[in-house]
PDB file of all heavy atoms in Angstrom:
ATOM      1  N   VAL A   1     -34.069 -28.701 131.226  1.00  0.00           N
ATOM      2  CA  VAL A   1     -35.323 -29.036 131.914  1.00  0.00           C
ATOM      3  C   VAL A   1     -35.567 -28.056 133.047  1.00  0.00           C
ATOM      4  O   VAL A   1     -36.675 -27.518 133.185  1.00  0.00           O
ATOM      5  CB  VAL A   1     -35.294 -30.488 132.432  1.00  0.00           C
ATOM      6  CG1 VAL A   1     -36.492 -30.768 133.339  1.00  0.00           C
ATOM      7  CG2 VAL A   1     -35.258 -31.476 131.274  1.00  0.00           C
ATOM      8  N   ASN A   2     -34.541 -27.782 133.832  1.00  0.00           N
ATOM      9  CA  ASN A   2     -34.687 -26.830 134.940  1.00  0.00           C
ATOM     10  C   ASN A   2     -35.044 -25.442 134.431  1.00  0.00           C
ATOM     11  O   ASN A   2     -35.927 -24.776 134.976  1.00  0.00           O
ATOM     12  CB  ASN A   2     -33.411 -26.776 135.780  1.00  0.00           C
ATOM     13  CG  ASN A   2     -33.184 -28.040 136.566  1.00  0.00           C
ATOM     14  OD1 ASN A   2     -34.116 -28.808 136.826  1.00  0.00           O
ATOM     15  ND2 ASN A   2     -31.944 -28.290 136.926  1.00  0.00           N
ATOM     16  N   ARG A   3     -34.360 -25.022 133.369  1.00  0.00           N
ATOM     17  CA  ARG A   3     -34.638 -23.700 132.806  1.00  0.00           C
ATOM     18  C   ARG A   3     -36.066 -23.632 132.263  1.00  0.00           C
ATOM     19  O   ARG A   3     -36.761 -22.638 132.424  1.00  0.00           O
ATOM     20  CB  ARG A   3     -33.632 -23.377 131.706  1.00  0.00           C
ATOM     21  CG  ARG A   3     -33.746 -21.982 131.189  1.00  0.00           C
ATOM     22  CD  ARG A   3     -32.616 -21.661 130.260  1.00  0.00           C
ATOM     23  NE  ARG A   3     -32.740 -20.279 129.812  1.00  0.00           N
ATOM     24  CZ  ARG A   3     -31.903 -19.690 129.021  1.00  0.00           C
ATOM     25  NH1 ARG A   3     -30.853 -20.340 128.572  1.00  0.00           N
ATOM     26  NH2 ARG A   3     -32.094 -18.446 128.661  1.00  0.00           N
ATOM     27  N   MET A   4     -36.502 -24.712 131.596  1.00  0.00           N
ATOM     28  CA  MET A   4     -37.862 -24.752 131.054  1.00  0.00           C
ATOM     29  C   MET A   4     -38.889 -24.643 132.187  1.00  0.00           C
ATOM     30  O   MET A   4     -39.840 -23.870 132.093  1.00  0.00           O
ATOM     31  CB  MET A   4     -38.095 -26.056 130.285  1.00  0.00           C
ATOM     32  CG  MET A   4     -39.517 -26.171 129.746  1.00  0.00           C
ATOM     33  SD  MET A   4     -39.881 -27.806 129.064  1.00  0.00           S
ATOM     34  CE  MET A   4     -39.751 -28.830 130.515  1.00  0.00           C
ATOM     35  N   HIS A   5     -38.682 -25.395 133.263  1.00  0.00           N
ATOM     36  CA  HIS A   5     -39.633 -25.347 134.383  1.00  0.00           C
ATOM     37  C   HIS A   5     -39.645 -23.966 135.038  1.00  0.00           C
ATOM     38  O   HIS A   5     -40.714 -23.470 135.413  1.00  0.00           O
ATOM     39  CB  HIS A   5     -39.332 -26.449 135.398  1.00  0.00           C
ATOM     40  CG  HIS A   5     -39.790 -27.802 134.955  1.00  0.00           C
ATOM     41  ND1 HIS A   5     -41.111 -28.182 134.990  1.00  0.00           N
ATOM     42  CD2 HIS A   5     -39.114 -28.847 134.448  1.00  0.00           C
ATOM     43  CE1 HIS A   5     -41.228 -29.410 134.532  1.00  0.00           C
ATOM     44  NE2 HIS A   5     -40.024 -29.837 134.185  1.00  0.00           N
ATOM     45  N   GLU A   6     -38.478 -23.347 135.146  1.00  0.00           N
ATOM     46  CA  GLU A   6     -38.413 -21.993 135.687  1.00  0.00           C
ATOM     47  C   GLU A   6     -39.167 -21.023 134.771  1.00  0.00           C
ATOM     48  O   GLU A   6     -39.903 -20.152 135.241  1.00  0.00           O
ATOM     49  CB  GLU A   6     -36.962 -21.538 135.841  1.00  0.00           C
ATOM     50  CG  GLU A   6     -36.225 -22.237 136.969  1.00  0.00           C
ATOM     51  CD  GLU A   6     -34.744 -21.872 137.000  1.00  0.00           C
ATOM     52  OE1 GLU A   6     -34.329 -20.910 136.324  1.00  0.00           O
ATOM     53  OE2 GLU A   6     -33.994 -22.576 137.707  1.00  0.00           O
ATOM     54  N   TRP A   7     -38.979 -21.172 133.458  1.00  0.00           N
ATOM     55  CA  TRP A   7     -39.660 -20.312 132.497  1.00  0.00           C
ATOM     56  C   TRP A   7     -41.171 -20.502 132.575  1.00  0.00           C
ATOM     57  O   TRP A   7     -41.926 -19.527 132.597  1.00  0.00           O
ATOM     58  CB  TRP A   7     -39.162 -20.582 131.080  1.00  0.00           C
ATOM     59  CG  TRP A   7     -40.067 -19.966 130.056  1.00  0.00           C
ATOM     60  CD1 TRP A   7     -40.915 -20.610 129.221  1.00  0.00           C
ATOM     61  CD2 TRP A   7     -40.263 -18.574 129.810  1.00  0.00           C
ATOM     62  NE1 TRP A   7     -41.629 -19.702 128.454  1.00  0.00           N
ATOM     63  CE2 TRP A   7     -41.226 -18.441 128.808  1.00  0.00           C
ATOM     64  CE3 TRP A   7     -39.698 -17.418 130.351  1.00  0.00           C
ATOM     65  CZ2 TRP A   7     -41.646 -17.218 128.317  1.00  0.00           C
ATOM     66  CZ3 TRP A   7     -40.125 -16.190 129.864  1.00  0.00           C
ATOM     67  CH2 TRP A   7     -41.087 -16.097 128.859  1.00  0.00           C
ATOM     68  N   ILE A   8     -41.623 -21.739 132.604  1.00  0.00           N
ATOM     69  CA  ILE A   8     -43.063 -22.021 132.673  1.00  0.00           C
ATOM     70  C   ILE A   8     -43.652 -21.403 133.934  1.00  0.00           C
ATOM     71  O   ILE A   8     -44.725 -20.790 133.897  1.00  0.00           O
ATOM     72  CB  ILE A   8     -43.344 -23.540 132.605  1.00  0.00           C
ATOM     73  CG1 ILE A   8     -42.909 -24.107 131.248  1.00  0.00           C
ATOM     74  CG2 ILE A   8     -44.801 -23.855 132.885  1.00  0.00           C
ATOM     75  CD1 ILE A   8     -43.604 -23.496 130.050  1.00  0.00           C
ATOM     76  N   ALA A   9     -42.955 -21.530 135.049  1.00  0.00           N
ATOM     77  CA  ALA A   9     -43.439 -20.933 136.301  1.00  0.00           C
ATOM     78  C   ALA A   9     -43.520 -19.410 136.175  1.00  0.00           C
ATOM     79  O   ALA A   9     -44.505 -18.795 136.614  1.00  0.00           O
ATOM     80  CB  ALA A   9     -42.527 -21.326 137.461  1.00  0.00           C
ATOM     81  N   ALA A  10     -42.504 -18.800 135.577  1.00  0.00           N
ATOM     82  CA  ALA A  10     -42.505 -17.337 135.408  1.00  0.00           C
ATOM     83  C   ALA A  10     -43.611 -16.900 134.454  1.00  0.00           C
ATOM     84  O   ALA A  10     -44.315 -15.910 134.717  1.00  0.00           O
ATOM     85  CB  ALA A  10     -41.143 -16.870 134.892  1.00  0.00           C
ATOM     86  N   ALA A  11     -43.796 -17.633 133.353  1.00  0.00           N
ATOM     87  CA  ALA A  11     -44.840 -17.282 132.384  1.00  0.00           C
ATOM     88  C   ALA A  11     -46.222 -17.430 133.002  1.00  0.00           C
ATOM     89  O   ALA A  11     -47.092 -16.572 132.800  1.00  0.00           O
ATOM     90  CB  ALA A  11     -44.708 -18.149 131.128  1.00  0.00           C
ATOM     91  N   LYS A  12     -46.438 -18.500 133.758  1.00  0.00           N
ATOM     92  CA  LYS A  12     -47.735 -18.692 134.422  1.00  0.00           C
ATOM     93  C   LYS A  12     -47.999 -17.559 135.410  1.00  0.00           C
ATOM     94  O   LYS A  12     -49.121 -17.033 135.462  1.00  0.00           O
ATOM     95  CB  LYS A  12     -47.779 -20.052 135.125  1.00  0.00           C
ATOM     96  CG  LYS A  12     -47.926 -21.203 134.159  1.00  0.00           C
ATOM     97  CD  LYS A  12     -47.914 -22.599 134.736  1.00  0.00           C
ATOM     98  CE  LYS A  12     -48.017 -22.815 136.183  1.00  0.00           C
ATOM     99  NZ  LYS A  12     -48.025 -24.219 136.599  1.00  0.00           N
ATOM    100  N   ALA A  13     -46.986 -17.169 136.165  1.00  0.00           N
ATOM    101  CA  ALA A  13     -47.156 -16.075 137.122  1.00  0.00           C
ATOM    102  C   ALA A  13     -47.484 -14.768 136.398  1.00  0.00           C
ATOM    103  O   ALA A  13     -48.387 -14.034 136.806  1.00  0.00           O
ATOM    104  CB  ALA A  13     -45.886 -15.918 137.961  1.00  0.00           C
ATOM    105  N   GLU A  14     -46.777 -14.495 135.309  1.00  0.00           N
ATOM    106  CA  GLU A  14     -47.000 -13.271 134.540  1.00  0.00           C
ATOM    107  C   GLU A  14     -48.410 -13.224 133.959  1.00  0.00           C
ATOM    108  O   GLU A  14     -49.038 -12.171 133.896  1.00  0.00           O
ATOM    109  CB  GLU A  14     -45.964 -13.163 133.413  1.00  0.00           C
ATOM    110  CG  GLU A  14     -46.054 -11.913 132.602  1.00  0.00           C
ATOM    111  CD  GLU A  14     -45.601 -10.660 133.356  1.00  0.00           C
ATOM    112  OE1 GLU A  14     -44.873 -10.771 134.367  1.00  0.00           O
ATOM    113  OE2 GLU A  14     -45.986  -9.554 132.929  1.00  0.00           O
ATOM    114  N   LEU A  15     -48.909 -14.396 133.527  1.00  0.00           N
ATOM    115  CA  LEU A  15     -50.235 -14.475 132.915  1.00  0.00           C
ATOM    116  C   LEU A  15     -51.359 -14.720 133.917  1.00  0.00           C
ATOM    117  O   LEU A  15     -52.531 -14.752 133.538  1.00  0.00           O
ATOM    118  CB  LEU A  15     -50.242 -15.596 131.850  1.00  0.00           C
ATOM    119  CG  LEU A  15     -49.295 -15.362 130.672  1.00  0.00           C
ATOM    120  CD1 LEU A  15     -49.215 -16.614 129.811  1.00  0.00           C
ATOM    121  CD2 LEU A  15     -49.738 -14.159 129.849  1.00  0.00           C
ATOM    122  N   GLY A  16     -51.010 -14.887 135.185  1.00  0.00           N
ATOM    123  CA  GLY A  16     -52.020 -15.125 136.213  1.00  0.00           C
ATOM    124  C   GLY A  16     -52.665 -16.500 136.094  1.00  0.00           C
ATOM    125  O   GLY A  16     -53.852 -16.658 136.383  1.00  0.00           O
ATOM    126  N   ILE A  17     -51.884 -17.481 135.691  1.00  0.00           N
ATOM    127  CA  ILE A  17     -52.395 -18.843 135.503  1.00  0.00           C
ATOM    128  C   ILE A  17     -51.935 -19.717 136.660  1.00  0.00           C
ATOM    129  O   ILE A  17     -50.743 -19.798 136.961  1.00  0.00           O
ATOM    130  CB  ILE A  17     -51.883 -19.437 134.174  1.00  0.00           C
ATOM    131  CG1 ILE A  17     -52.391 -18.619 132.991  1.00  0.00           C
ATOM    132  CG2 ILE A  17     -52.285 -20.898 134.055  1.00  0.00           C
ATOM    133  CD1 ILE A  17     -51.761 -19.011 131.668  1.00  0.00           C
ATOM    134  N   ASP A  18     -52.884 -20.373 137.288  1.00  0.00           N
ATOM    135  CA  ASP A  18     -52.577 -21.320 138.359  1.00  0.00           C
ATOM    136  C   ASP A  18     -53.083 -22.689 137.900  1.00  0.00           C
ATOM    137  O   ASP A  18     -54.184 -23.102 138.260  1.00  0.00           O
ATOM    138  CB  ASP A  18     -53.239 -20.900 139.677  1.00  0.00           C
ATOM    139  CG  ASP A  18     -52.888 -21.843 140.818  1.00  0.00           C
ATOM    140  OD1 ASP A  18     -51.854 -22.522 140.728  1.00  0.00           O
ATOM    141  OD2 ASP A  18     -53.668 -21.893 141.786  1.00  0.00           O
ATOM    142  N   LEU A  19     -52.299 -23.334 137.071  1.00  0.00           N
ATOM    143  CA  LEU A  19     -52.715 -24.599 136.478  1.00  0.00           C
ATOM    144  C   LEU A  19     -51.495 -25.460 136.243  1.00  0.00           C
ATOM    145  O   LEU A  19     -50.530 -25.031 135.614  1.00  0.00           O
ATOM    146  CB  LEU A  19     -53.418 -24.344 135.136  1.00  0.00           C
ATOM    147  CG  LEU A  19     -53.842 -25.566 134.336  1.00  0.00           C
ATOM    148  CD1 LEU A  19     -54.968 -26.302 135.043  1.00  0.00           C
ATOM    149  CD2 LEU A  19     -54.262 -25.147 132.935  1.00  0.00           C
ATOM    150  N   ASP A  20     -51.527 -26.654 136.787  1.00  0.00           N
ATOM    151  CA  ASP A  20     -50.459 -27.608 136.529  1.00  0.00           C
ATOM    152  C   ASP A  20     -50.952 -28.594 135.487  1.00  0.00           C
ATOM    153  O   ASP A  20     -52.019 -29.189 135.635  1.00  0.00           O
ATOM    154  CB  ASP A  20     -50.078 -28.353 137.810  1.00  0.00           C
ATOM    155  CG  ASP A  20     -49.362 -27.452 138.797  1.00  0.00           C
ATOM    156  OD1 ASP A  20     -48.546 -26.623 138.345  1.00  0.00           O
ATOM    157  OD2 ASP A  20     -49.628 -27.560 140.000  1.00  0.00           O
ATOM    158  N   VAL A  21     -50.202 -28.718 134.410  1.00  0.00           N
ATOM    159  CA  VAL A  21     -50.564 -29.626 133.322  1.00  0.00           C
ATOM    160  C   VAL A  21     -49.427 -30.612 133.089  1.00  0.00           C
ATOM    161  O   VAL A  21     -48.324 -30.454 133.599  1.00  0.00           O
ATOM    162  CB  VAL A  21     -50.887 -28.866 132.013  1.00  0.00           C
ATOM    163  CG1 VAL A  21     -52.118 -28.001 132.172  1.00  0.00           C
ATOM    164  CG2 VAL A  21     -49.706 -28.050 131.546  1.00  0.00           C
ATOM    165  N   ASP A  22     -49.718 -31.607 132.287  1.00  0.00           N
ATOM    166  CA  ASP A  22     -48.747 -32.636 131.930  1.00  0.00           C
ATOM    167  C   ASP A  22     -47.781 -32.064 130.894  1.00  0.00           C
ATOM    168  O   ASP A  22     -48.038 -32.129 129.692  1.00  0.00           O
ATOM    169  CB  ASP A  22     -49.494 -33.856 131.394  1.00  0.00           C
ATOM    170  CG  ASP A  22     -48.580 -34.978 130.956  1.00  0.00           C
ATOM    171  OD1 ASP A  22     -47.359 -34.912 131.223  1.00  0.00           O
ATOM    172  OD2 ASP A  22     -49.097 -35.931 130.337  1.00  0.00           O
ATOM    173  N   ILE A  23     -46.687 -31.502 131.369  1.00  0.00           N
ATOM    174  CA  ILE A  23     -45.717 -30.877 130.473  1.00  0.00           C
ATOM    175  C   ILE A  23     -45.126 -31.906 129.522  1.00  0.00           C
ATOM    176  O   ILE A  23     -44.997 -31.648 128.324  1.00  0.00           O
ATOM    177  CB  ILE A  23     -44.613 -30.155 131.274  1.00  0.00           C
ATOM    178  CG1 ILE A  23     -45.209 -28.939 131.994  1.00  0.00           C
ATOM    179  CG2 ILE A  23     -43.452 -29.737 130.370  1.00  0.00           C
ATOM    180  CD1 ILE A  23     -44.264 -28.238 132.938  1.00  0.00           C
ATOM    181  N   ALA A  24     -44.792 -33.076 130.018  1.00  0.00           N
ATOM    182  CA  ALA A  24     -44.223 -34.123 129.160  1.00  0.00           C
ATOM    183  C   ALA A  24     -45.203 -34.501 128.052  1.00  0.00           C
ATOM    184  O   ALA A  24     -44.808 -34.689 126.899  1.00  0.00           O
ATOM    185  CB  ALA A  24     -43.836 -35.341 129.986  1.00  0.00           C
ATOM    186  N   GLY A  25     -46.479 -34.582 128.387  1.00  0.00           N
ATOM    187  CA  GLY A  25     -47.492 -34.906 127.390  1.00  0.00           C
ATOM    188  C   GLY A  25     -47.602 -33.836 126.321  1.00  0.00           C
ATOM    189  O   GLY A  25     -47.728 -34.139 125.129  1.00  0.00           O
ATOM    190  N   LEU A  26     -47.541 -32.580 126.729  1.00  0.00           N
ATOM    191  CA  LEU A  26     -47.591 -31.483 125.762  1.00  0.00           C
ATOM    192  C   LEU A  26     -46.351 -31.468 124.875  1.00  0.00           C
ATOM    193  O   LEU A  26     -46.433 -31.241 123.668  1.00  0.00           O
ATOM    194  CB  LEU A  26     -47.757 -30.140 126.473  1.00  0.00           C
ATOM    195  CG  LEU A  26     -49.132 -29.900 127.091  1.00  0.00           C
ATOM    196  CD1 LEU A  26     -49.103 -28.686 128.011  1.00  0.00           C
ATOM    197  CD2 LEU A  26     -50.189 -29.734 126.022  1.00  0.00           C
ATOM    198  N   LEU A  27     -45.193 -31.741 125.466  1.00  0.00           N
ATOM    199  CA  LEU A  27     -43.971 -31.799 124.665  1.00  0.00           C
ATOM    200  C   LEU A  27     -44.013 -32.966 123.681  1.00  0.00           C
ATOM    201  O   LEU A  27     -43.573 -32.832 122.535  1.00  0.00           O
ATOM    202  CB  LEU A  27     -42.746 -31.911 125.573  1.00  0.00           C
ATOM    203  CG  LEU A  27     -42.415 -30.667 126.390  1.00  0.00           C
ATOM    204  CD1 LEU A  27     -41.282 -30.959 127.372  1.00  0.00           C
ATOM    205  CD2 LEU A  27     -42.061 -29.500 125.491  1.00  0.00           C
ATOM    206  N   ASP A  28     -44.555 -34.093 124.124  1.00  0.00           N
ATOM    207  CA  ASP A  28     -44.702 -35.240 123.212  1.00  0.00           C
ATOM    208  C   ASP A  28     -45.618 -34.884 122.049  1.00  0.00           C
ATOM    209  O   ASP A  28     -45.342 -35.229 120.898  1.00  0.00           O
ATOM    210  CB  ASP A  28     -45.240 -36.466 123.951  1.00  0.00           C
ATOM    211  CG  ASP A  28     -44.212 -37.110 124.859  1.00  0.00           C
ATOM    212  OD1 ASP A  28     -43.003 -36.839 124.714  1.00  0.00           O
ATOM    213  OD2 ASP A  28     -44.631 -37.903 125.736  1.00  0.00           O
ATOM    214  N   MET A  29     -46.720 -34.194 122.336  1.00  0.00           N
ATOM    215  CA  MET A  29     -47.645 -33.793 121.274  1.00  0.00           C
ATOM    216  C   MET A  29     -46.938 -32.890 120.278  1.00  0.00           C
ATOM    217  O   MET A  29     -47.052 -33.079 119.069  1.00  0.00           O
ATOM    218  CB  MET A  29     -48.867 -33.084 121.871  1.00  0.00           C
ATOM    219  CG  MET A  29     -49.857 -32.545 120.832  1.00  0.00           C
ATOM    220  SD  MET A  29     -49.484 -30.888 120.204  1.00  0.00           S
ATOM    221  CE  MET A  29     -49.722 -29.887 121.653  1.00  0.00           C
ATOM    222  N   THR A  30     -46.182 -31.906 120.764  1.00  0.00           N
ATOM    223  CA  THR A  30     -45.517 -31.000 119.837  1.00  0.00           C
ATOM    224  C   THR A  30     -44.473 -31.735 119.003  1.00  0.00           C
ATOM    225  O   THR A  30     -44.268 -31.403 117.833  1.00  0.00           O
ATOM    226  CB  THR A  30     -44.879 -29.789 120.546  1.00  0.00           C
ATOM    227  OG1 THR A  30     -43.919 -30.233 121.495  1.00  0.00           O
ATOM    228  CG2 THR A  30     -45.930 -28.935 121.225  1.00  0.00           C
ATOM    229  N   LYS A  31     -43.847 -32.753 119.582  1.00  0.00           N
ATOM    230  CA  LYS A  31     -42.883 -33.556 118.826  1.00  0.00           C
ATOM    231  C   LYS A  31     -43.582 -34.316 117.701  1.00  0.00           C
ATOM    232  O   LYS A  31     -43.117 -34.323 116.557  1.00  0.00           O
ATOM    233  CB  LYS A  31     -42.154 -34.530 119.748  1.00  0.00           C
ATOM    234  CG  LYS A  31     -41.132 -35.404 119.038  1.00  0.00           C
ATOM    235  CD  LYS A  31     -40.372 -36.277 120.009  1.00  0.00           C
ATOM    236  CE  LYS A  31     -41.269 -37.403 120.457  1.00  0.00           C
ATOM    237  NZ  LYS A  31     -40.602 -38.387 121.306  1.00  0.00           N
ATOM    238  N   VAL A  32     -44.725 -34.926 118.018  1.00  0.00           N
ATOM    239  CA  VAL A  32     -45.481 -35.666 117.003  1.00  0.00           C
ATOM    240  C   VAL A  32     -45.931 -34.724 115.887  1.00  0.00           C
ATOM    241  O   VAL A  32     -45.758 -35.020 114.702  1.00  0.00           O
ATOM    242  CB  VAL A  32     -46.694 -36.389 117.633  1.00  0.00           C
ATOM    243  CG1 VAL A  32     -47.624 -36.944 116.567  1.00  0.00           C
ATOM    244  CG2 VAL A  32     -46.232 -37.513 118.561  1.00  0.00           C
ATOM    245  N   VAL A  33     -46.477 -33.581 116.261  1.00  0.00           N
ATOM    246  CA  VAL A  33     -46.951 -32.629 115.251  1.00  0.00           C
ATOM    247  C   VAL A  33     -45.783 -32.115 114.410  1.00  0.00           C
ATOM    248  O   VAL A  33     -45.875 -32.053 113.179  1.00  0.00           O
ATOM    249  CB  VAL A  33     -47.727 -31.462 115.907  1.00  0.00           C
ATOM    250  CG1 VAL A  33     -48.018 -30.363 114.903  1.00  0.00           C
ATOM    251  CG2 VAL A  33     -49.022 -31.971 116.534  1.00  0.00           C
ATOM    252  N   ALA A  34     -44.679 -31.782 115.047  1.00  0.00           N
ATOM    253  CA  ALA A  34     -43.516 -31.264 114.310  1.00  0.00           C
ATOM    254  C   ALA A  34     -42.992 -32.285 113.308  1.00  0.00           C
ATOM    255  O   ALA A  34     -42.630 -31.924 112.188  1.00  0.00           O
ATOM    256  CB  ALA A  34     -42.412 -30.866 115.285  1.00  0.00           C
ATOM    257  N   HIS A  35     -42.967 -33.549 113.698  1.00  0.00           N
ATOM    258  CA  HIS A  35     -42.416 -34.577 112.814  1.00  0.00           C
ATOM    259  C   HIS A  35     -43.423 -35.109 111.806  1.00  0.00           C
ATOM    260  O   HIS A  35     -43.056 -35.456 110.686  1.00  0.00           O
ATOM    261  CB  HIS A  35     -41.844 -35.732 113.642  1.00  0.00           C
ATOM    262  CG  HIS A  35     -40.595 -35.366 114.359  1.00  0.00           C
ATOM    263  ND1 HIS A  35     -40.522 -35.271 115.724  1.00  0.00           N
ATOM    264  CD2 HIS A  35     -39.365 -35.039 113.907  1.00  0.00           C
ATOM    265  CE1 HIS A  35     -39.312 -34.910 116.077  1.00  0.00           C
ATOM    266  NE2 HIS A  35     -38.581 -34.758 114.994  1.00  0.00           N
TER     267      HIS A  35
END
Protein backbone atom coordinates (compact mmCIF):
# COMPACT_ATOMS: atom_id res chain seq x y z
CA VAL A 1 0.00 0.00 0.00
CA ASN A 2 2.79 2.41 0.89
CA ARG A 3 4.69 1.60 -2.29
CA MET A 4 1.52 2.03 -4.37
CA HIS A 5 0.80 5.44 -2.83
CA GLU A 6 4.40 6.51 -3.40
CA TRP A 7 4.16 5.35 -7.03
CA ILE A 8 0.85 7.15 -7.61
CA ALA A 9 2.33 10.35 -6.18
CA ALA A 10 5.41 10.03 -8.41
CA ALA A 11 3.31 9.25 -11.51
CA LYS A 12 0.99 12.19 -10.85
CA ALA A 13 3.98 14.51 -10.43
CA GLU A 14 5.58 13.21 -13.64
CA LEU A 15 2.32 13.70 -15.56
CA GLY A 16 1.55 17.09 -14.01
CA ILE A 17 -1.68 15.85 -12.42
CA ASP A 18 -2.98 17.45 -9.25
CA LEU A 19 -6.01 15.30 -8.54
CA ASP A 20 -6.92 13.17 -5.57
CA VAL A 21 -9.30 10.34 -6.42
CA ASP A 22 -10.83 7.41 -4.58
CA ILE A 23 -8.01 4.90 -5.02
CA ALA A 24 -9.90 2.17 -3.15
CA GLY A 25 -12.89 2.69 -5.43
CA LEU A 26 -10.75 2.41 -8.55
CA LEU A 27 -9.07 -0.73 -7.22
CA ASP A 28 -12.48 -2.23 -6.44
CA MET A 29 -13.62 -1.47 -10.00
CA THR A 30 -10.56 -3.15 -11.50
CA LYS A 31 -11.16 -6.18 -9.28
CA VAL A 32 -14.77 -6.46 -10.46
CA VAL A 33 -13.77 -6.08 -14.11
CA ALA A 34 -10.89 -8.56 -13.79
CA HIS A 35 -13.11 -11.19 -12.19
